[in-house]
């Protein structure tokens, strides 16, 4: 399985970014997908998950600001980041489970300047 995330960048506080992740090598239509992030010096943490039927869950830090979505035809999962703050600066990773093990993409850097 391969997960390729893209869409990160540098943005000012209050701005928005849209991340996307292309998944190959798995049956995407039945896969639970997730976005994690890891800030410098901190542990990787879940940001949002999305079930095959599109039902999302969010971490408290993401609730009301971020929106996760998926396109089962294009095999992509996206994360719309709104109202960004410097505390959102991190590498964002796409994640799924394959063969009972977590699978990770390479990550995309999001930097929010104050």
Protein backbone atom coordinates (compact mmCIF):
# COMPACT_ATOMS: atom_id res chain seq x y z
CA UNK A 1 0.00 0.00 0.00
CA UNK A 2 1.20 3.52 -0.80
CA UNK A 3 -0.11 6.74 0.64
CA UNK A 4 1.03 9.97 -0.97
CA UNK A 5 0.13 13.16 0.86
CA UNK A 6 0.43 16.60 -0.65
CA UNK A 7 -0.88 20.12 -0.25
CA UNK A 8 1.12 21.38 2.70
CA UNK A 9 2.88 24.70 2.79
CA UNK A 10 3.41 27.96 4.61
CA UNK A 11 0.38 29.98 5.61
CA UNK A 12 -0.34 32.89 7.91
CA UNK A 13 -2.38 32.46 11.07
CA UNK A 14 -6.07 32.48 10.23
CA UNK A 15 -5.46 31.05 6.80
CA UNK A 16 -6.46 27.76 5.20
CA UNK A 17 -4.85 24.83 3.45
CA UNK A 18 -6.20 21.71 1.85
CA UNK A 19 -4.29 18.47 2.18
CA UNK A 20 -4.93 15.44 0.04
CA UNK A 21 -3.73 11.86 0.12
CA UNK A 22 -3.78 9.44 -2.77
CA UNK A 23 -4.00 5.79 -1.75
CA UNK A 24 -2.99 2.84 -3.90
CA UNK A 25 -2.51 -0.85 -3.28
CA UNK A 26 -5.57 -1.40 -1.13
CA UNK A 27 -9.31 -1.67 -1.43
CA UNK A 28 -9.89 1.98 -0.71
CA UNK A 29 -13.68 1.72 -0.64
CA UNK A 30 -13.61 -0.37 2.54
CA UNK A 31 -10.63 1.29 4.22
CA UNK A 32 -10.82 3.45 7.30
CA UNK A 33 -8.60 6.45 6.67
CA UNK A 34 -7.07 8.95 9.03
CA UNK A 35 -4.93 12.05 9.26
CA UNK A 36 -2.30 12.37 11.96
CA UNK A 37 0.17 15.11 12.69
CA UNK A 38 3.45 15.39 14.50
CA UNK A 39 4.78 18.70 15.74
CA UNK A 40 8.47 19.16 16.59
CA UNK A 41 9.28 17.51 19.89
CA UNK A 42 5.81 16.03 20.27
CA UNK A 43 4.21 12.66 19.72
CA UNK A 44 2.23 11.90 16.63
CA UNK A 45 -1.46 12.49 17.25
CA UNK A 46 -4.63 11.73 15.38
CA UNK A 47 -6.37 14.72 13.81
CA UNK A 48 -9.32 13.17 12.02
CA UNK A 49 -10.62 9.83 10.83
CA UNK A 50 -13.13 8.88 8.18
CA UNK A 51 -14.96 5.63 7.71
CA UNK A 52 -15.71 4.04 4.33
CA UNK A 53 -19.23 5.47 4.52
CA UNK A 54 -17.80 8.96 5.01
CA UNK A 55 -18.56 9.31 8.71
CA UNK A 56 -15.86 11.51 10.28
CA UNK A 57 -14.42 11.89 13.74
CA UNK A 58 -12.20 14.74 14.92
CA UNK A 59 -9.72 15.42 17.65
CA UNK A 60 -10.82 18.19 19.97
CA UNK A 61 -8.17 20.48 18.48
CA UNK A 62 -9.61 19.96 15.00
CA UNK A 63 -13.32 20.07 15.77
CA UNK A 64 -15.03 23.01 14.08
CA UNK A 65 -11.94 24.02 12.08
CA UNK A 66 -10.91 21.01 10.00
CA UNK A 67 -13.00 18.96 7.61
CA UNK A 68 -12.07 15.47 6.47
CA UNK A 69 -13.56 14.01 3.30
CA UNK A 70 -12.96 11.19 0.88
CA UNK A 71 -13.49 10.39 -2.76
CA UNK A 72 -13.79 6.65 -3.25
CA UNK A 73 -13.62 6.99 -7.03
CA UNK A 74 -10.37 8.99 -7.00
CA UNK A 75 -9.09 6.99 -4.00
CA UNK A 76 -8.22 10.13 -2.12
CA UNK A 77 -8.81 11.43 1.37
CA UNK A 78 -8.61 15.15 2.03
CA UNK A 79 -8.28 17.40 5.03
CA UNK A 80 -9.42 21.00 4.82
CA UNK A 81 -7.58 23.08 7.41
CA UNK A 82 -9.26 26.34 8.37
CA UNK A 83 -8.55 29.04 10.95
CA UNK A 84 -5.01 27.80 11.29
CA UNK A 85 -2.85 28.82 14.24
CA UNK A 86 0.89 28.40 14.84
CA UNK A 87 -0.01 25.45 17.08
CA UNK A 88 -1.14 23.60 13.96
CA UNK A 89 2.41 23.61 12.61
CA UNK A 90 3.38 19.97 12.08
CA UNK A 91 4.01 17.27 9.56
CA UNK A 92 0.65 15.83 8.56
CA UNK A 93 0.44 12.15 7.72
CA UNK A 94 -2.14 10.07 5.95
CA UNK A 95 -2.83 6.73 7.62
CA UNK A 96 -4.74 3.54 7.14
CA UNK A 97 -4.59 -0.04 8.35
CA UNK A 98 -3.49 -2.78 6.00
CA UNK A 99 -3.01 -6.41 6.91
CA UNK A 100 -3.57 -5.57 10.54
CA UNK A 101 -0.75 -3.03 10.58
CA UNK A 102 -0.73 0.74 10.27
CA UNK A 103 0.40 2.16 6.96
CA UNK A 104 1.82 5.66 6.70
CA UNK A 105 2.47 8.09 3.93
CA UNK A 106 5.58 10.25 3.86
CA UNK A 107 3.80 13.29 5.28
CA UNK A 108 3.42 16.87 4.21
CA UNK A 109 4.69 19.88 6.16
CA UNK A 110 2.25 22.54 7.34
CA UNK A 111 3.79 25.69 8.76
CA UNK A 112 1.64 28.46 10.21
CA UNK A 113 3.27 31.81 10.85
CA UNK A 114 2.00 34.24 13.46
